[in-house]
Amino acid sequence: MTSKIKSDAAVTFTDSESDGFEIRIAELITLAGSVSKLARMAGISESVVRKWRDGKSDPSRLNLVALSEATGVAIAWLTKGEGPMRPDEAAPALPADFDRAFFARVLTGIERGIQESGHQLAPDKKIELAFALYDIFRESDKEPSTATILPFLRVGAK
């Protein structure tokens, strides 16, 4: 279980209950170029950004607004992963049976696999891999996890 801070109250939840916020923060870090650059852009300390990336705390409403304004991402995308990443983009059309929770597990496995293996993956390749693995795991009886995703990362990072 991971303990998260929301406002002044601690909220405890399991990884399966994660809303993928850590993944969206990791994506913003990648787009900014580093934790340091993202922190400077938003006027937030590096240690706080790392805590968000690592799932150790959640940002305040004011910090969410600062991140959104600094990076140009939509608040709905940043907070819940809904809609387009940027307000001026059209939301991608997803199939009616698209399982957001399952996709979040795939993305979490990819992010953790990248951290474990030290591989680098460009954001467009990461998204491409995520959708491919979503399809592969949905059709198989295996649950997406770091262990089941690492072999794909080794191939995708080459």
N, C-alpha and C. Protein backbone atom coordinates (compact mmCIF):
# COMPACT_ATOMS: atom_id res chain seq x y z
N MET A 1 0.83 -1.18 0.00
CA MET A 1 0.00 0.00 0.00
C MET A 1 0.87 1.24 0.00
N THR A 2 0.35 2.28 -0.60
CA THR A 2 1.06 3.55 -0.68
C THR A 2 0.24 4.59 0.05
N SER A 3 0.90 5.43 0.81
CA SER A 3 0.20 6.51 1.49
C SER A 3 0.34 7.77 0.67
N LYS A 4 -0.76 8.42 0.40
CA LYS A 4 -0.75 9.66 -0.37
C LYS A 4 -1.32 10.77 0.49
N ILE A 5 -0.88 11.97 0.25
CA ILE A 5 -1.39 13.11 0.98
C ILE A 5 -2.33 13.88 0.06
N LYS A 6 -3.53 14.10 0.49
CA LYS A 6 -4.49 14.92 -0.23
C LYS A 6 -4.98 15.96 0.76
N SER A 7 -4.77 17.22 0.42
CA SER A 7 -5.05 18.33 1.34
C SER A 7 -4.27 18.08 2.63
N ASP A 8 -4.98 18.01 3.75
CA ASP A 8 -4.30 17.77 5.02
C ASP A 8 -4.48 16.34 5.51
N ALA A 9 -5.22 15.51 4.79
CA ALA A 9 -5.51 14.16 5.25
C ALA A 9 -4.73 13.15 4.44
N ALA A 10 -4.22 12.11 5.08
CA ALA A 10 -3.52 11.03 4.39
C ALA A 10 -4.54 10.05 3.85
N VAL A 11 -4.36 9.64 2.61
CA VAL A 11 -5.25 8.68 1.98
C VAL A 11 -4.39 7.49 1.59
N THR A 12 -4.78 6.29 1.99
CA THR A 12 -4.02 5.09 1.68
C THR A 12 -4.79 4.28 0.63
N PHE A 13 -4.06 3.83 -0.39
CA PHE A 13 -4.68 3.01 -1.41
C PHE A 13 -3.65 2.08 -2.01
N THR A 14 -4.13 1.04 -2.68
CA THR A 14 -3.23 0.09 -3.31
C THR A 14 -2.90 0.58 -4.71
N ASP A 15 -1.86 -0.03 -5.31
CA ASP A 15 -1.46 0.35 -6.67
C ASP A 15 -2.60 0.19 -7.65
N SER A 16 -3.47 -0.80 -7.47
CA SER A 16 -4.56 -1.03 -8.41
C SER A 16 -5.59 0.10 -8.36
N GLU A 17 -5.56 0.90 -7.27
CA GLU A 17 -6.50 2.00 -7.15
C GLU A 17 -5.90 3.31 -7.66
N SER A 18 -4.66 3.30 -8.09
CA SER A 18 -4.00 4.49 -8.59
C SER A 18 -4.74 5.02 -9.81
N ASP A 19 -4.79 6.34 -9.91
CA ASP A 19 -5.48 6.95 -11.05
C ASP A 19 -4.52 7.29 -12.18
N GLY A 20 -3.27 6.90 -12.06
CA GLY A 20 -2.30 7.15 -13.11
C GLY A 20 -1.66 8.53 -13.05
N PHE A 21 -1.90 9.28 -11.97
CA PHE A 21 -1.32 10.62 -11.86
C PHE A 21 0.20 10.58 -11.98
N GLU A 22 0.83 9.57 -11.36
CA GLU A 22 2.28 9.46 -11.41
C GLU A 22 2.77 9.35 -12.85
N ILE A 23 2.03 8.66 -13.68
CA ILE A 23 2.41 8.49 -15.08
C ILE A 23 2.31 9.83 -15.82
N ARG A 24 1.25 10.58 -15.52
CA ARG A 24 1.10 11.88 -16.18
C ARG A 24 2.20 12.84 -15.74
N ILE A 25 2.59 12.79 -14.47
CA ILE A 25 3.70 13.62 -13.99
C ILE A 25 4.99 13.19 -14.69
N ALA A 26 5.21 11.88 -14.80
CA ALA A 26 6.41 11.38 -15.49
C ALA A 26 6.44 11.86 -16.94
N GLU A 27 5.28 11.89 -17.58
CA GLU A 27 5.21 12.37 -18.96
C GLU A 27 5.56 13.85 -19.04
N LEU A 28 5.06 14.64 -18.09
CA LEU A 28 5.40 16.07 -18.06
C LEU A 28 6.90 16.27 -17.80
N ILE A 29 7.48 15.44 -16.95
CA ILE A 29 8.92 15.52 -16.70
C ILE A 29 9.68 15.24 -17.99
N THR A 30 9.26 14.21 -18.71
CA THR A 30 9.90 13.87 -19.98
C THR A 30 9.79 15.02 -20.97
N LEU A 31 8.60 15.60 -21.07
CA LEU A 31 8.40 16.71 -22.01
C LEU A 31 9.20 17.95 -21.60
N ALA A 32 9.32 18.21 -20.31
CA ALA A 32 10.07 19.37 -19.82
C ALA A 32 11.57 19.14 -19.96
N GLY A 33 12.00 17.89 -19.91
CA GLY A 33 13.41 17.56 -20.03
C GLY A 33 14.04 17.05 -18.75
N SER A 34 13.47 17.39 -17.61
CA SER A 34 13.99 16.91 -16.33
C SER A 34 13.05 17.34 -15.21
N VAL A 35 13.22 16.72 -14.05
CA VAL A 35 12.45 17.11 -12.87
C VAL A 35 12.75 18.58 -12.55
N SER A 36 14.02 18.92 -12.62
CA SER A 36 14.46 20.27 -12.29
C SER A 36 13.78 21.31 -13.20
N LYS A 37 13.74 21.03 -14.48
CA LYS A 37 13.13 21.98 -15.43
C LYS A 37 11.63 22.12 -15.19
N LEU A 38 10.95 21.00 -14.95
CA LEU A 38 9.51 21.06 -14.68
C LEU A 38 9.25 21.85 -13.39
N ALA A 39 10.05 21.58 -12.37
CA ALA A 39 9.88 22.28 -11.09
C ALA A 39 10.07 23.79 -11.28
N ARG A 40 11.10 24.18 -12.00
CA ARG A 40 11.34 25.60 -12.25
C ARG A 40 10.20 26.24 -13.04
N MET A 41 9.72 25.52 -14.07
CA MET A 41 8.62 26.05 -14.89
C MET A 41 7.39 26.37 -14.04
N ALA A 42 7.10 25.49 -13.10
CA ALA A 42 5.87 25.61 -12.31
C ALA A 42 6.09 26.34 -10.98
N GLY A 43 7.34 26.64 -10.64
CA GLY A 43 7.62 27.31 -9.37
C GLY A 43 7.41 26.41 -8.17
N ILE A 44 7.78 25.15 -8.33
CA ILE A 44 7.59 24.13 -7.29
C ILE A 44 8.95 23.49 -7.03
N SER A 45 9.19 23.03 -5.82
CA SER A 45 10.48 22.41 -5.51
C SER A 45 10.63 21.06 -6.22
N GLU A 46 11.88 20.73 -6.53
CA GLU A 46 12.18 19.46 -7.19
C GLU A 46 11.74 18.27 -6.34
N SER A 47 11.96 18.37 -5.03
CA SER A 47 11.61 17.24 -4.15
C SER A 47 10.11 16.97 -4.17
N VAL A 48 9.30 18.01 -4.28
CA VAL A 48 7.85 17.84 -4.34
C VAL A 48 7.47 17.15 -5.65
N VAL A 49 8.06 17.58 -6.75
CA VAL A 49 7.77 16.94 -8.05
C VAL A 49 8.17 15.47 -8.01
N ARG A 50 9.30 15.15 -7.41
CA ARG A 50 9.73 13.74 -7.29
C ARG A 50 8.74 12.94 -6.46
N LYS A 51 8.22 13.53 -5.38
CA LYS A 51 7.23 12.83 -4.56
C LYS A 51 5.97 12.53 -5.37
N TRP A 52 5.55 13.46 -6.21
CA TRP A 52 4.38 13.21 -7.06
C TRP A 52 4.69 12.09 -8.04
N ARG A 53 5.86 12.16 -8.69
CA ARG A 53 6.25 11.14 -9.67
C ARG A 53 6.32 9.76 -9.04
N ASP A 54 6.79 9.71 -7.79
CA ASP A 54 6.95 8.43 -7.10
C ASP A 54 5.68 7.98 -6.38
N GLY A 55 4.61 8.78 -6.47
CA GLY A 55 3.35 8.40 -5.84
C GLY A 55 3.35 8.56 -4.34
N LYS A 56 4.22 9.39 -3.81
CA LYS A 56 4.30 9.56 -2.36
C LYS A 56 3.42 10.69 -1.85
N SER A 57 2.96 11.57 -2.74
CA SER A 57 2.03 12.62 -2.34
C SER A 57 1.29 13.14 -3.57
N ASP A 58 0.22 13.84 -3.32
CA ASP A 58 -0.57 14.46 -4.38
C ASP A 58 -0.44 15.97 -4.27
N PRO A 59 -0.53 16.68 -5.39
CA PRO A 59 -0.41 18.13 -5.34
C PRO A 59 -1.66 18.81 -4.80
N SER A 60 -1.47 20.01 -4.29
CA SER A 60 -2.61 20.83 -3.88
C SER A 60 -3.30 21.38 -5.13
N ARG A 61 -4.45 21.93 -4.94
CA ARG A 61 -5.18 22.55 -6.06
C ARG A 61 -4.34 23.66 -6.68
N LEU A 62 -3.69 24.47 -5.86
CA LEU A 62 -2.86 25.56 -6.38
C LEU A 62 -1.68 25.04 -7.20
N ASN A 63 -1.07 23.95 -6.76
CA ASN A 63 0.04 23.36 -7.52
C ASN A 63 -0.44 22.74 -8.82
N LEU A 64 -1.65 22.17 -8.83
CA LEU A 64 -2.20 21.65 -10.08
C LEU A 64 -2.40 22.77 -11.09
N VAL A 65 -2.92 23.90 -10.62
CA VAL A 65 -3.12 25.05 -11.51
C VAL A 65 -1.76 25.54 -12.02
N ALA A 66 -0.76 25.61 -11.14
CA ALA A 66 0.58 26.06 -11.54
C ALA A 66 1.17 25.12 -12.60
N LEU A 67 1.02 23.80 -12.40
CA LEU A 67 1.51 22.83 -13.39
C LEU A 67 0.79 22.98 -14.72
N SER A 68 -0.51 23.11 -14.66
CA SER A 68 -1.31 23.26 -15.88
C SER A 68 -0.90 24.50 -16.65
N GLU A 69 -0.77 25.62 -15.95
CA GLU A 69 -0.40 26.87 -16.62
C GLU A 69 1.03 26.83 -17.15
N ALA A 70 1.94 26.23 -16.41
CA ALA A 70 3.34 26.18 -16.81
C ALA A 70 3.56 25.27 -18.02
N THR A 71 2.79 24.21 -18.12
CA THR A 71 3.01 23.22 -19.19
C THR A 71 1.98 23.30 -20.31
N GLY A 72 0.89 24.02 -20.08
CA GLY A 72 -0.14 24.13 -21.11
C GLY A 72 -1.04 22.91 -21.22
N VAL A 73 -1.04 22.06 -20.19
CA VAL A 73 -1.90 20.88 -20.23
C VAL A 73 -3.25 21.18 -19.59
N ALA A 74 -4.24 20.45 -20.02
CA ALA A 74 -5.60 20.62 -19.49
C ALA A 74 -5.68 20.07 -18.06
N ILE A 75 -6.40 20.77 -17.22
CA ILE A 75 -6.59 20.35 -15.82
C ILE A 75 -7.24 18.96 -15.76
N ALA A 76 -8.24 18.71 -16.59
CA ALA A 76 -8.93 17.40 -16.56
C ALA A 76 -7.96 16.28 -16.91
N TRP A 77 -7.09 16.53 -17.87
CA TRP A 77 -6.10 15.51 -18.22
C TRP A 77 -5.11 15.32 -17.07
N LEU A 78 -4.64 16.42 -16.51
CA LEU A 78 -3.65 16.35 -15.44
C LEU A 78 -4.20 15.64 -14.21
N THR A 79 -5.41 15.99 -13.79
CA THR A 79 -5.95 15.44 -12.55
C THR A 79 -6.53 14.04 -12.71
N LYS A 80 -7.20 13.77 -13.85
CA LYS A 80 -7.90 12.49 -13.99
C LYS A 80 -7.51 11.68 -15.22
N GLY A 81 -6.69 12.26 -16.08
CA GLY A 81 -6.30 11.55 -17.30
C GLY A 81 -7.41 11.53 -18.33
N GLU A 82 -8.34 12.46 -18.21
CA GLU A 82 -9.48 12.48 -19.13
C GLU A 82 -9.33 13.60 -20.16
N GLY A 83 -9.85 13.33 -21.35
CA GLY A 83 -9.81 14.33 -22.40
C GLY A 83 -8.43 14.48 -22.99
N PRO A 84 -8.28 15.49 -23.84
CA PRO A 84 -6.98 15.69 -24.48
C PRO A 84 -5.96 16.24 -23.49
N MET A 85 -4.70 15.99 -23.77
CA MET A 85 -3.63 16.49 -22.91
C MET A 85 -3.60 18.02 -22.93
N ARG A 86 -3.75 18.56 -24.09
CA ARG A 86 -3.73 20.02 -24.25
C ARG A 86 -5.13 20.48 -24.63
N PRO A 87 -5.57 21.62 -24.09
CA PRO A 87 -6.95 22.08 -24.34
C PRO A 87 -7.29 22.27 -25.81
N ASP A 88 -6.29 22.58 -26.64
CA ASP A 88 -6.56 22.83 -28.05
C ASP A 88 -6.52 21.58 -28.92
N GLU A 89 -6.28 20.41 -28.31
CA GLU A 89 -6.26 19.15 -29.06
C GLU A 89 -7.63 18.48 -28.99
N ALA A 90 -7.96 17.77 -30.03
CA ALA A 90 -9.19 16.97 -30.00
C ALA A 90 -8.91 15.70 -29.20
N ALA A 91 -9.85 15.31 -28.39
CA ALA A 91 -9.71 14.07 -27.62
C ALA A 91 -9.69 12.89 -28.57
N PRO A 92 -8.77 11.95 -28.38
CA PRO A 92 -8.74 10.78 -29.27
C PRO A 92 -9.97 9.92 -29.07
N ALA A 93 -10.43 9.36 -30.16
CA ALA A 93 -11.59 8.48 -30.09
C ALA A 93 -11.13 7.10 -29.62
N LEU A 94 -11.74 6.62 -28.56
CA LEU A 94 -11.42 5.30 -28.03
C LEU A 94 -12.62 4.39 -28.21
N PRO A 95 -12.37 3.10 -28.40
CA PRO A 95 -13.48 2.17 -28.53
C PRO A 95 -14.36 2.19 -27.27
N ALA A 96 -15.62 1.88 -27.44
CA ALA A 96 -16.57 1.89 -26.32
C ALA A 96 -16.14 0.93 -25.21
N ASP A 97 -15.47 -0.17 -25.57
CA ASP A 97 -15.07 -1.15 -24.55
C ASP A 97 -13.65 -0.90 -24.02
N PHE A 98 -13.09 0.27 -24.29
CA PHE A 98 -11.74 0.59 -23.81
C PHE A 98 -11.74 0.61 -22.29
N ASP A 99 -10.82 -0.14 -21.70
CA ASP A 99 -10.74 -0.27 -20.25
C ASP A 99 -9.63 0.64 -19.72
N ARG A 100 -10.02 1.81 -19.22
CA ARG A 100 -9.04 2.80 -18.75
C ARG A 100 -8.20 2.26 -17.60
N ALA A 101 -8.80 1.52 -16.69
CA ALA A 101 -8.06 0.99 -15.55
C ALA A 101 -7.01 -0.02 -16.01
N PHE A 102 -7.36 -0.86 -16.98
CA PHE A 102 -6.42 -1.83 -17.51
C PHE A 102 -5.28 -1.11 -18.23
N PHE A 103 -5.62 -0.09 -19.01
CA PHE A 103 -4.61 0.70 -19.72
C PHE A 103 -3.68 1.39 -18.72
N ALA A 104 -4.22 1.87 -17.61
CA ALA A 104 -3.40 2.51 -16.57
C ALA A 104 -2.41 1.50 -15.99
N ARG A 105 -2.84 0.23 -15.83
CA ARG A 105 -1.94 -0.80 -15.32
C ARG A 105 -0.81 -1.06 -16.32
N VAL A 106 -1.14 -1.05 -17.62
CA VAL A 106 -0.11 -1.21 -18.64
C VAL A 106 0.89 -0.06 -18.56
N LEU A 107 0.39 1.17 -18.49
CA LEU A 107 1.27 2.34 -18.41
C LEU A 107 2.14 2.31 -17.15
N THR A 108 1.55 1.91 -16.04
CA THR A 108 2.32 1.80 -14.80
C THR A 108 3.43 0.78 -14.95
N GLY A 109 3.13 -0.35 -15.56
CA GLY A 109 4.16 -1.37 -15.80
C GLY A 109 5.27 -0.86 -16.69
N ILE A 110 4.92 -0.10 -17.72
CA ILE A 110 5.93 0.48 -18.61
C ILE A 110 6.81 1.46 -17.85
N GLU A 111 6.19 2.37 -17.10
CA GLU A 111 6.96 3.37 -16.35
C GLU A 111 7.89 2.70 -15.33
N ARG A 112 7.39 1.73 -14.61
CA ARG A 112 8.24 1.04 -13.63
C ARG A 112 9.34 0.24 -14.32
N GLY A 113 9.01 -0.35 -15.44
CA GLY A 113 10.02 -1.09 -16.21
C GLY A 113 11.12 -0.18 -16.72
N ILE A 114 10.75 1.01 -17.16
CA ILE A 114 11.73 1.99 -17.62
C ILE A 114 12.64 2.39 -16.46
N GLN A 115 12.04 2.63 -15.31
CA GLN A 115 12.84 3.01 -14.13
C GLN A 115 13.79 1.88 -13.72
N GLU A 116 13.28 0.65 -13.72
CA GLU A 116 14.10 -0.51 -13.31
C GLU A 116 15.23 -0.79 -14.28
N SER A 117 14.91 -0.74 -15.57
CA SER A 117 15.89 -1.15 -16.58
C SER A 117 16.83 -0.02 -16.99
N GLY A 118 16.42 1.21 -16.76
CA GLY A 118 17.24 2.34 -17.18
C GLY A 118 17.13 2.64 -18.66
N HIS A 119 16.20 1.97 -19.35
CA HIS A 119 16.00 2.24 -20.77
C HIS A 119 15.41 3.63 -20.97
N GLN A 120 15.68 4.19 -22.12
CA GLN A 120 15.08 5.46 -22.51
C GLN A 120 14.08 5.17 -23.62
N LEU A 121 12.93 5.83 -23.57
CA LEU A 121 11.90 5.63 -24.58
C LEU A 121 11.25 6.98 -24.85
N ALA A 122 11.29 7.42 -26.10
CA ALA A 122 10.67 8.69 -26.46
C ALA A 122 9.17 8.63 -26.17
N PRO A 123 8.54 9.75 -25.82
CA PRO A 123 7.11 9.74 -25.48
C PRO A 123 6.23 9.11 -26.56
N ASP A 124 6.50 9.39 -27.84
CA ASP A 124 5.67 8.80 -28.90
C ASP A 124 5.83 7.29 -28.97
N LYS A 125 7.06 6.80 -28.72
CA LYS A 125 7.29 5.35 -28.70
C LYS A 125 6.65 4.71 -27.48
N LYS A 126 6.65 5.43 -26.35
CA LYS A 126 6.04 4.92 -25.13
C LYS A 126 4.54 4.74 -25.34
N ILE A 127 3.89 5.71 -25.97
CA ILE A 127 2.45 5.62 -26.23
C ILE A 127 2.16 4.49 -27.21
N GLU A 128 2.96 4.40 -28.25
CA GLU A 128 2.80 3.32 -29.23
C GLU A 128 2.92 1.95 -28.55
N LEU A 129 3.93 1.81 -27.69
CA LEU A 129 4.13 0.56 -26.96
C LEU A 129 2.96 0.29 -26.01
N ALA A 130 2.47 1.33 -25.35
CA ALA A 130 1.36 1.16 -24.40
C ALA A 130 0.12 0.61 -25.10
N PHE A 131 -0.24 1.17 -26.26
CA PHE A 131 -1.42 0.67 -26.97
C PHE A 131 -1.20 -0.75 -27.50
N ALA A 132 0.01 -1.04 -27.96
CA ALA A 132 0.29 -2.39 -28.45
C ALA A 132 0.20 -3.40 -27.30
N LEU A 133 0.80 -3.05 -26.14
CA LEU A 133 0.75 -3.97 -25.00
C LEU A 133 -0.66 -4.09 -24.43
N TYR A 134 -1.42 -3.01 -24.49
CA TYR A 134 -2.83 -3.07 -24.07
C TYR A 134 -3.54 -4.17 -24.86
N ASP A 135 -3.38 -4.15 -26.18
CA ASP A 135 -4.03 -5.16 -27.03
C ASP A 135 -3.51 -6.57 -26.73
N ILE A 136 -2.18 -6.70 -26.58
CA ILE A 136 -1.58 -8.01 -26.31
C ILE A 136 -2.09 -8.59 -24.99
N PHE A 137 -2.05 -7.79 -23.94
CA PHE A 137 -2.46 -8.29 -22.62
C PHE A 137 -3.96 -8.51 -22.53
N ARG A 138 -4.75 -7.71 -23.22
CA ARG A 138 -6.21 -7.91 -23.21
C ARG A 138 -6.58 -9.25 -23.85
N GLU A 139 -5.81 -9.66 -24.85
CA GLU A 139 -6.09 -10.91 -25.55
C GLU A 139 -5.48 -12.13 -24.86
N SER A 140 -4.59 -11.90 -23.90
CA SER A 140 -3.94 -13.01 -23.21
C SER A 140 -4.52 -13.16 -21.81
N ASP A 141 -4.03 -14.15 -21.10
CA ASP A 141 -4.47 -14.35 -19.72
C ASP A 141 -3.49 -13.76 -18.72
N LYS A 142 -2.50 -12.99 -19.21
CA LYS A 142 -1.50 -12.41 -18.32
C LYS A 142 -1.90 -10.99 -17.92
N GLU A 143 -1.59 -10.67 -16.68
CA GLU A 143 -1.84 -9.34 -16.14
C GLU A 143 -0.61 -8.47 -16.45
N PRO A 144 -0.82 -7.24 -16.92
CA PRO A 144 0.34 -6.37 -17.17
C PRO A 144 1.05 -6.04 -15.85
N SER A 145 2.34 -6.23 -15.82
CA SER A 145 3.14 -5.92 -14.64
C SER A 145 4.54 -5.59 -15.14
N THR A 146 5.36 -5.11 -14.25
CA THR A 146 6.73 -4.79 -14.63
C THR A 146 7.42 -6.03 -15.20
N ALA A 147 7.24 -7.17 -14.54
CA ALA A 147 7.90 -8.40 -14.98
C ALA A 147 7.44 -8.84 -16.36
N THR A 148 6.16 -8.70 -16.66
CA THR A 148 5.66 -9.14 -17.97
C THR A 148 5.92 -8.11 -19.06
N ILE A 149 6.22 -6.88 -18.67
CA ILE A 149 6.45 -5.81 -19.66
C ILE A 149 7.94 -5.62 -19.97
N LEU A 150 8.83 -5.95 -19.04
CA LEU A 150 10.27 -5.75 -19.26
C LEU A 150 10.79 -6.34 -20.57
N PRO A 151 10.40 -7.56 -20.95
CA PRO A 151 10.91 -8.09 -22.23
C PRO A 151 10.53 -7.21 -23.43
N PHE A 152 9.35 -6.62 -23.40
CA PHE A 152 8.93 -5.74 -24.49
C PHE A 152 9.75 -4.45 -24.49
N LEU A 153 10.09 -3.97 -23.31
CA LEU A 153 10.90 -2.76 -23.21
C LEU A 153 12.30 -2.97 -23.79
N ARG A 154 12.85 -4.15 -23.55
CA ARG A 154 14.19 -4.44 -24.06
C ARG A 154 14.19 -4.38 -25.60
N VAL A 155 13.12 -4.85 -26.21
CA VAL A 155 13.00 -4.82 -27.66
C VAL A 155 12.71 -3.40 -28.13
N GLY A 156 11.78 -2.72 -27.46
CA GLY A 156 11.36 -1.38 -27.87
C GLY A 156 12.41 -0.32 -27.68
N ALA A 157 13.33 -0.52 -26.76
CA ALA A 157 14.36 0.49 -26.46
C ALA A 157 15.54 0.41 -27.41
N LYS A 158 15.61 -0.63 -28.24
CA LYS A 158 16.74 -0.79 -29.15
C LYS A 158 16.58 0.06 -30.37
